[in-house]
Amino acid sequence: MKNFITTIGICICVLGMSDCKSKSSAYLTVKANTEKNITGAKWILYELEGVDLAASKNNLTPEAFIMFDANENRVNGNSGCNIFGGTYQIGPDEAIKFSGMVSTRKACLDMTVENRMNKMFQTIDGYSLQGDTLSLNQGKITLARFVKE
């Protein structure tokens, strides 16, 4: 009887571990497929909080962009004046979270895009990818749209 209970316990542990492995494997597959699509490219910001930036861009302001590095889960870019960097984590169901975001602190003539972008990273919780367009979202609200360069 003691051996039977031990055998049952081992079976339950093995089944439980295989269930965890399949969930983890599914998460890694989602992550790998997504990162394959968003990493290795420069994403140019063209819309921020519903405002078309192409219409308001002047030639004195650098182009705002974002880039993702899958090897180290790092993100970096330019927010229109300063460069920024940090880490990102992609989860299931198109979830994304940014953390440890830092930025240089140059003073620029127009800090509107800069300030909005810096605040945006604190609230983003999702993304969507349609062709060459990456959208970063808060819930169902699109905060920023980028086009692949």
Protein backbone atom coordinates (compact mmCIF):
# COMPACT_ATOMS: atom_id res chain seq x y z
CA MET A 1 0.00 0.00 0.00
CA LYS A 2 2.84 2.39 0.82
CA ASN A 3 4.43 1.77 -2.62
CA PHE A 4 1.06 2.34 -4.31
CA ILE A 5 0.63 5.75 -2.60
CA THR A 6 4.21 6.70 -3.50
CA THR A 7 3.62 5.71 -7.13
CA ILE A 8 0.41 7.77 -7.27
CA GLY A 9 2.25 10.76 -5.77
CA ILE A 10 5.04 10.51 -8.33
CA CYS A 11 2.51 10.27 -11.18
CA ILE A 12 0.70 13.38 -9.94
CA CYS A 13 3.98 15.31 -9.71
CA VAL A 14 5.05 14.25 -13.21
CA LEU A 15 1.66 15.17 -14.67
CA GLY A 16 1.74 18.51 -12.90
CA MET A 17 5.23 19.25 -14.18
CA SER A 18 4.32 18.31 -17.74
CA ASP A 19 1.34 20.68 -17.55
CA CYS A 20 3.65 23.51 -16.44
CA LYS A 21 6.06 22.68 -19.21
CA SER A 22 3.35 22.84 -21.87
CA LYS A 23 2.12 26.22 -20.60
CA SER A 24 5.68 27.52 -20.46
CA SER A 25 6.36 26.15 -23.92
CA ALA A 26 3.23 27.86 -25.28
CA TYR A 27 4.33 31.16 -23.69
CA LEU A 28 7.80 30.86 -25.22
CA THR A 29 6.31 30.09 -28.64
CA VAL A 30 4.07 33.18 -28.46
CA LYS A 31 7.02 35.26 -27.29
CA ALA A 32 9.35 33.95 -30.01
CA ASN A 33 6.80 34.46 -32.79
CA THR A 34 6.04 38.00 -31.66
CA GLU A 35 9.63 39.00 -31.07
CA LYS A 36 10.56 37.65 -34.47
CA ASN A 37 8.08 40.12 -35.94
CA ILE A 38 8.97 43.22 -33.91
CA THR A 39 12.71 42.76 -33.32
CA GLY A 40 15.49 43.51 -35.75
CA ALA A 41 13.65 46.52 -37.17
CA LYS A 42 13.52 50.23 -36.59
CA TRP A 43 9.92 51.34 -35.92
CA ILE A 44 9.26 54.98 -36.84
CA LEU A 45 6.66 56.82 -34.76
CA TYR A 46 4.00 58.37 -36.99
CA GLU A 47 1.02 58.78 -34.65
CA LEU A 48 0.93 59.63 -30.96
CA GLU A 49 -2.31 59.80 -28.96
CA GLY A 50 -4.30 60.13 -32.18
CA VAL A 51 -2.18 62.98 -33.59
CA ASP A 52 -0.56 62.45 -37.01
CA LEU A 53 3.07 63.47 -36.46
CA ALA A 54 3.95 63.64 -40.16
CA ALA A 55 1.75 66.72 -40.50
CA SER A 56 3.39 68.50 -37.57
CA LYS A 57 7.01 67.38 -38.08
CA ASN A 58 9.65 70.01 -38.72
CA ASN A 59 13.07 69.24 -40.15
CA LEU A 60 14.85 70.37 -36.98
CA THR A 61 13.41 67.56 -34.85
CA PRO A 62 14.95 64.08 -35.09
CA GLU A 63 12.64 61.25 -36.04
CA ALA A 64 11.16 59.41 -33.05
CA PHE A 65 11.63 55.65 -33.23
CA ILE A 66 11.80 52.45 -31.18
CA MET A 67 13.83 49.24 -31.57
CA PHE A 68 13.51 45.88 -29.77
CA ASP A 69 16.41 43.52 -28.98
CA ALA A 70 15.12 39.97 -28.42
CA ASN A 71 18.45 38.62 -27.12
CA GLU A 72 18.44 40.83 -24.04
CA ASN A 73 14.78 41.95 -23.92
CA ARG A 74 16.00 45.53 -24.28
CA VAL A 75 14.26 48.42 -25.99
CA ASN A 76 15.84 51.67 -27.15
CA GLY A 77 15.12 54.56 -29.41
CA ASN A 78 14.72 58.28 -29.79
CA SER A 79 11.70 60.18 -28.52
CA GLY A 80 12.17 63.14 -30.83
CA CYS A 81 14.92 64.82 -28.85
CA ASN A 82 16.50 62.44 -26.35
CA ILE A 83 17.49 58.81 -26.61
CA PHE A 84 15.85 56.29 -24.28
CA GLY A 85 16.32 52.68 -23.23
CA GLY A 86 14.94 50.05 -20.93
CA THR A 87 13.59 46.53 -20.90
CA TYR A 88 10.42 44.94 -22.20
CA GLN A 89 8.54 41.73 -21.58
CA ILE A 90 6.03 40.19 -23.93
CA GLY A 91 3.27 37.98 -22.54
CA PRO A 92 0.37 36.02 -23.97
CA ASP A 93 -2.60 37.72 -25.63
CA GLU A 94 -0.51 40.58 -27.06
CA ALA A 95 0.57 41.85 -23.65
CA ILE A 96 3.72 43.95 -23.37
CA LYS A 97 5.27 45.74 -20.43
CA PHE A 98 8.13 48.22 -20.37
CA SER A 99 10.30 48.75 -17.30
CA GLY A 100 13.48 50.46 -16.20
CA MET A 101 13.01 53.17 -18.83
CA VAL A 102 15.70 55.86 -18.76
CA SER A 103 16.39 58.80 -21.03
CA THR A 104 19.01 61.44 -21.69
CA ARG A 105 17.92 64.91 -20.55
CA LYS A 106 18.75 67.39 -23.32
CA ALA A 107 16.59 70.48 -23.43
CA CYS A 108 14.88 70.87 -26.79
CA LEU A 109 12.72 73.54 -28.37
CA ASP A 110 9.61 71.36 -28.57
CA MET A 111 9.27 68.70 -25.88
CA THR A 112 5.64 67.76 -26.64
CA VAL A 113 6.32 64.39 -28.31
CA GLU A 114 9.14 63.70 -25.89
CA ASN A 115 7.01 64.20 -22.77
CA ARG A 116 4.06 62.21 -24.13
CA MET A 117 6.27 59.32 -25.18
CA ASN A 118 7.97 59.13 -21.78
CA LYS A 119 4.59 58.97 -20.01
CA MET A 120 3.27 56.45 -22.53
CA PHE A 121 5.80 53.76 -21.55
CA GLN A 122 4.42 53.76 -18.00
CA THR A 123 0.89 52.87 -19.10
CA ILE A 124 1.29 50.58 -22.12
CA ASP A 125 -0.04 47.08 -21.47
CA GLY A 126 -0.58 45.71 -24.97
CA TYR A 127 0.41 45.86 -28.60
CA SER A 128 -0.89 44.82 -31.99
CA LEU A 129 0.99 44.12 -35.17
CA GLN A 130 -0.69 44.43 -38.56
CA GLY A 131 1.68 44.14 -41.49
CA ASP A 132 4.30 46.86 -41.12
CA THR A 133 2.37 48.76 -38.43
CA LEU A 134 3.04 48.32 -34.71
CA SER A 135 0.51 49.80 -32.27
CA LEU A 136 1.21 50.22 -28.56
CA ASN A 137 -1.95 50.26 -26.47
CA GLN A 138 -3.40 50.89 -23.06
CA GLY A 139 -6.36 48.57 -22.87
CA LYS A 140 -8.31 49.13 -26.07
CA ILE A 141 -6.89 52.63 -26.62
CA THR A 142 -4.02 52.99 -29.10
CA LEU A 143 -1.42 55.36 -27.68
CA ALA A 144 1.16 55.18 -30.47
CA ARG A 145 1.56 53.79 -33.97
CA PHE A 146 4.85 52.97 -35.61
CA VAL A 147 5.71 51.91 -39.15
CA LYS A 148 8.57 49.56 -39.93
CA GLU A 149 11.48 51.29 -41.64
